[in-house]
Protein backbone atom coordinates (compact mmCIF):
# COMPACT_ATOMS: atom_id res chain seq x y z
CA MET A 1 -5.62 -6.13 19.87
CA SER A 2 -2.25 -4.47 19.50
CA LEU A 3 0.80 -6.65 19.15
CA SER A 4 4.02 -5.69 20.83
CA VAL A 5 6.62 -7.81 19.08
CA PRO A 6 10.28 -6.73 19.29
CA LEU A 7 11.72 -5.66 15.96
CA ALA A 8 14.69 -8.00 16.12
CA GLY A 9 17.62 -6.36 14.37
CA ALA A 10 15.26 -4.02 12.59
CA HIS A 11 15.77 -0.66 14.29
CA ARG A 12 17.85 1.96 12.51
CA PRO A 13 20.35 3.84 14.70
CA LEU A 14 19.55 7.32 13.39
CA ALA A 15 17.14 8.56 10.73
CA ASP A 16 19.72 10.85 9.09
CA GLU A 17 22.03 7.93 8.45
CA VAL A 18 19.72 6.76 5.66
CA GLY A 19 19.42 10.09 3.87
CA PRO A 20 16.62 12.66 3.74
CA ARG A 21 13.29 11.58 5.15
CA ALA A 22 10.24 11.67 2.93
CA ASN A 23 7.18 13.39 4.34
CA LEU A 24 3.81 11.78 3.61
CA THR A 25 2.08 15.12 4.02
CA GLU A 26 4.17 16.56 1.20
CA ILE A 27 3.76 13.47 -0.97
CA LEU A 28 -0.04 13.29 -0.72
CA THR A 29 -0.98 16.95 -0.29
CA PRO A 30 -1.88 19.74 -0.80
CA ASP A 31 -2.55 19.93 -4.54
CA ARG A 32 -2.75 16.25 -5.36
CA PRO A 33 -5.88 14.07 -5.67
CA PHE A 34 -5.26 11.99 -2.55
CA GLN A 35 -7.03 14.13 0.05
CA THR A 36 -9.46 11.39 1.12
CA PHE A 37 -6.74 8.81 1.72
CA PHE A 38 -4.61 11.31 3.62
CA ARG A 39 -7.58 12.39 5.73
CA TYR A 40 -8.25 8.79 6.77
CA LEU A 41 -4.57 8.28 7.59
CA ASN A 42 -4.76 11.31 9.87
CA GLN A 43 -8.00 10.17 11.49
CA THR A 44 -6.46 6.81 12.35
CA ASN A 45 -3.09 8.26 13.43
CA LEU A 46 -1.24 6.26 10.80
CA VAL A 47 0.88 8.96 9.17
CA GLU A 48 3.48 8.70 11.92
CA VAL A 49 3.19 4.89 12.02
CA PHE A 50 3.90 4.62 8.29
CA GLU A 51 6.86 6.99 8.56
CA LYS A 52 8.25 5.05 11.54
CA GLN A 53 7.97 1.83 9.56
CA ALA A 54 9.96 3.47 6.77
CA TYR A 55 12.68 5.16 8.79
CA ARG A 56 12.93 3.21 12.04
CA THR A 57 13.20 -0.30 10.59
CA HIS A 58 15.46 -1.95 8.06
CA HIS A 59 12.48 -3.10 6.00
CA GLY A 60 10.91 0.15 4.87
CA ILE A 61 7.33 0.47 3.64
CA THR A 62 5.26 0.32 0.46
CA ILE A 63 2.05 2.34 0.43
CA PHE A 64 -0.81 2.02 -2.05
CA ALA A 65 -2.68 5.32 -2.28
CA PRO A 66 -6.14 5.27 -3.87
CA ALA A 67 -6.91 8.53 -5.66
CA ASP A 68 -9.93 10.59 -4.59
CA ARG A 69 -11.93 9.30 -7.55
CA ALA A 70 -11.39 5.73 -6.28
CA PHE A 71 -12.91 6.67 -2.93
CA ALA A 72 -15.73 8.50 -4.70
CA ALA A 73 -16.65 5.23 -6.42
CA VAL A 74 -17.31 3.58 -3.04
CA HIS A 75 -20.78 4.29 -1.66
CA PRO A 76 -20.48 6.76 1.27
CA SER A 77 -22.22 4.36 3.67
CA VAL A 78 -19.50 1.74 3.18
CA LEU A 79 -16.76 3.72 4.92
CA SER A 80 -18.89 5.92 7.17
CA GLY A 81 -20.32 2.79 8.79
CA LEU A 82 -16.94 1.43 9.83
CA LYS A 83 -15.77 1.44 13.42
CA LYS A 84 -12.50 3.22 14.14
CA HIS A 85 -10.46 0.03 14.39
CA GLN A 86 -11.96 -1.22 11.12
CA LEU A 87 -11.05 2.00 9.34
CA LYS A 88 -7.54 1.76 10.77
CA ASN A 89 -7.16 -1.81 9.53
CA LEU A 90 -8.49 -0.78 6.13
CA MET A 91 -5.85 1.93 5.82
CA MET A 92 -3.10 -0.45 6.99
CA TYR A 93 -4.38 -2.90 4.38
CA HIS A 94 -3.07 -0.40 1.84
CA ALA A 95 0.56 -0.87 2.93
CA LEU A 96 3.24 -3.56 2.97
CA ALA A 97 5.88 -3.74 5.70
CA LYS A 98 8.76 -3.63 3.23
CA HIS A 99 9.98 -1.31 0.48
CA TYR A 100 9.27 -2.73 -2.98
CA ALA A 101 10.44 -1.14 -6.22
CA LEU A 102 8.18 -1.69 -9.22
CA LYS A 103 10.50 -4.30 -10.70
CA GLU A 104 10.28 -6.36 -7.50
CA PHE A 105 6.55 -6.99 -7.90
CA ASP A 106 7.29 -9.73 -10.43
CA GLY A 107 8.95 -11.80 -7.72
CA LEU A 108 6.33 -10.78 -5.16
CA SER A 109 3.58 -12.13 -7.42
CA ARG A 110 5.13 -15.59 -7.14
CA VAL A 111 4.58 -15.86 -3.38
CA ASN A 112 0.88 -15.01 -3.08
CA PRO A 113 -0.93 -14.24 -0.88
CA VAL A 114 1.03 -11.30 0.51
CA THR A 115 0.43 -10.11 4.07
CA THR A 116 -0.22 -6.39 4.46
CA LEU A 117 0.68 -4.13 7.36
CA ALA A 118 -2.75 -4.87 8.86
CA GLY A 119 -1.71 -8.42 9.69
CA GLY A 120 -2.43 -12.05 8.89
CA MET A 121 -6.11 -11.91 7.96
CA TYR A 122 -5.48 -8.97 5.64
CA MET A 123 -3.80 -10.37 2.56
CA VAL A 124 -3.67 -9.36 -1.09
CA ASN A 125 -2.74 -11.23 -4.24
CA VAL A 126 -0.31 -9.55 -6.60
CA THR A 127 -0.24 -10.05 -10.36
CA TYR A 128 2.53 -8.90 -12.67
CA ASP A 129 2.01 -9.12 -16.42
CA ALA A 130 4.62 -7.49 -18.64
CA GLY A 131 4.97 -4.61 -16.21
CA ALA A 132 1.26 -4.19 -15.44
CA ILE A 133 0.79 -4.65 -11.69
CA ARG A 134 -2.52 -5.41 -10.00
CA LEU A 135 -3.53 -5.93 -6.38
CA LEU A 136 -6.47 -8.24 -5.75
CA SER A 137 -8.51 -8.16 -2.57
CA ARG A 138 -11.77 -10.08 -2.06
CA TRP A 139 -13.89 -7.24 -3.41
CA ALA A 140 -11.50 -5.13 -5.48
CA ASN A 141 -9.08 -5.43 -8.37
CA ALA A 142 -6.76 -2.42 -8.23
CA LYS A 143 -4.14 -1.41 -10.74
CA ILE A 144 -0.94 0.45 -9.90
CA LEU A 145 -1.06 3.55 -12.08
CA GLY A 146 2.36 4.96 -11.21
CA THR A 147 4.84 6.12 -8.61
CA LEU A 148 4.22 9.04 -6.28
CA TYR A 149 7.47 8.44 -4.39
CA GLY A 150 9.97 5.64 -4.85
CA VAL A 151 13.20 6.37 -2.99
CA ALA A 152 13.98 3.64 -0.45
CA PRO A 153 12.98 3.06 2.26
CA MET A 154 9.54 4.46 1.29
CA ALA A 155 7.54 3.70 -1.84
CA VAL A 156 4.13 5.26 -2.53
CA TYR A 157 2.13 4.09 -5.53
CA GLU A 158 -1.14 5.41 -6.93
CA ILE A 159 -3.88 2.79 -7.37
CA ASP A 160 -7.21 3.16 -9.14
CA ARG A 161 -9.44 1.40 -6.59
CA VAL A 162 -9.87 1.15 -2.84
CA LEU A 163 -8.83 -2.31 -1.63
CA LEU A 164 -11.75 -3.94 0.20
CA PRO A 165 -10.83 -7.01 2.31
CA GLU A 166 -13.19 -9.82 3.26
CA ALA A 167 -11.95 -9.49 6.86
CA ILE A 168 -13.99 -6.26 7.07
CA PHE A 169 -16.63 -6.70 4.37
CA SER A 170 -18.38 -10.08 4.43
CA ALA A 171 -20.41 -9.19 1.33
CA GLN A 172 -19.72 -7.16 -1.80
CA PRO A 173 -19.90 -3.45 -0.90
CA PRO A 174 -21.62 -1.12 -3.37
CA VAL A 175 -18.89 0.27 -5.63
CA GLU A 176 -19.30 2.11 -8.91
CA GLU A 177 -17.04 1.88 -11.90
CA THR A 178 -14.24 4.42 -11.57
CA PRO A 179 -14.15 6.92 -14.44
CA PRO A 180 -11.03 6.84 -16.63
CA ASP A 181 -8.43 9.46 -15.86
CA ALA A 182 -6.78 11.41 -18.64
CA GLU A 183 -3.47 11.22 -16.80
CA PRO A 184 -2.60 9.38 -13.57
CA ALA A 185 -1.45 11.76 -10.85
CA ALA A 186 1.74 9.74 -10.50
CA SER A 187 2.66 10.50 -14.10
CA ALA A 188 2.12 14.23 -13.76
CA PRO A 189 5.07 16.62 -13.44
CA GLY A 190 6.30 16.93 -9.87
CA ALA A 191 6.01 13.31 -8.82
CA LYS A 192 8.28 12.89 -5.80
CA GLY A 193 11.57 11.07 -5.64
CA GLY A 194 12.40 11.32 -9.32
CA ASN A 195 10.11 8.40 -10.04
CA ALA A 196 7.28 9.82 -12.15
CA THR A 197 6.84 6.42 -13.78
CA THR A 198 4.07 4.01 -14.54
CA PRO A 199 4.56 0.27 -14.03
CA GLY A 200 4.83 -0.33 -17.77
CA ASP A 201 7.98 1.77 -17.88
CA GLU A 202 9.80 -0.99 -16.01
CA ALA A 203 8.38 -3.88 -18.02
CA ASP A 204 11.02 -6.46 -18.84
CA GLY A 205 8.93 -8.81 -20.94
CA LYS A 206 8.29 -11.15 -18.04
CA SER A 207 4.81 -12.01 -16.81
CA SER A 208 3.39 -13.96 -13.91
CA ALA A 209 -0.32 -14.19 -13.25
CA CYS A 210 -1.28 -14.90 -9.68
CA ARG A 211 -2.98 -18.07 -8.58
CA ALA A 212 -4.25 -17.90 -5.02
CA ALA A 213 -4.40 -21.68 -4.74
CA GLY A 214 -1.26 -23.76 -4.93
CA ARG A 215 1.09 -20.90 -4.15
CA PRO A 216 3.19 -20.80 -0.96
CA THR A 217 2.33 -18.17 1.60
CA ASN A 218 4.79 -15.30 1.76
CA TYR A 219 6.28 -16.20 5.13
CA VAL A 220 8.88 -13.45 4.92
CA ALA A 221 6.25 -10.77 4.33
CA THR A 222 4.13 -12.27 7.11
CA ALA A 223 6.99 -12.11 9.60
CA VAL A 224 7.86 -8.57 8.61
CA ALA A 225 4.24 -7.47 8.98
CA LEU A 226 4.05 -9.10 12.40
CA CYS A 227 7.12 -7.23 13.56
CA ALA A 228 5.81 -3.99 12.08
CA ALA A 229 2.63 -4.32 14.12
CA SER A 230 4.59 -3.25 17.19
CA LEU A 231 4.98 0.20 15.64
CA VAL A 232 1.23 0.75 15.78
CA ALA A 233 1.32 0.51 19.55
CA LEU A 234 4.11 3.10 19.88
């Protein structure tokens, strides 16, 4: 069911008032190892939705892009068996309805669980330990490897696993161990936005491990995600 909630005070007057617009097609393709993720975004018509969230709201967007090798570790039947709306929710599960710089994940880890762009049932837990950032879903523990694009209002981070929520997968899907990469794509020359960094580069000596129980729900992130849901229906 699509929600049509007004974005109260969230619309930007004009896109060019906030500087050059990033293009997801250029960030994820053509010579970068994110072809599978980008293909699924296209299949579910989310490229435009993500860009609207970035440039037509005051909140921006944070996108977690699993590399091709992360998708290769998931058994083909897991994703091919999904219905279209499930695949769409899975892709939206890889985004937050607000721009977060790497250094902001420390604070974000203190308000677990965090609502994703997919909505209330689709939450992740964030851990931040001396600059190492992880995203925990029911069936996956993904690490942020680095920044593909970081200029507000859009942030795109490479992660080493596909996030698999319990809202879609009631049991553990078959997933292989992902092979180690010699160099994360986000650290390679040419990373967009002048942010070819890994999370450890912004470590400040602080750490905060997540505890799902006993932590307050991120009401701000929930409200932002609810408002962002109206963009999907546009």
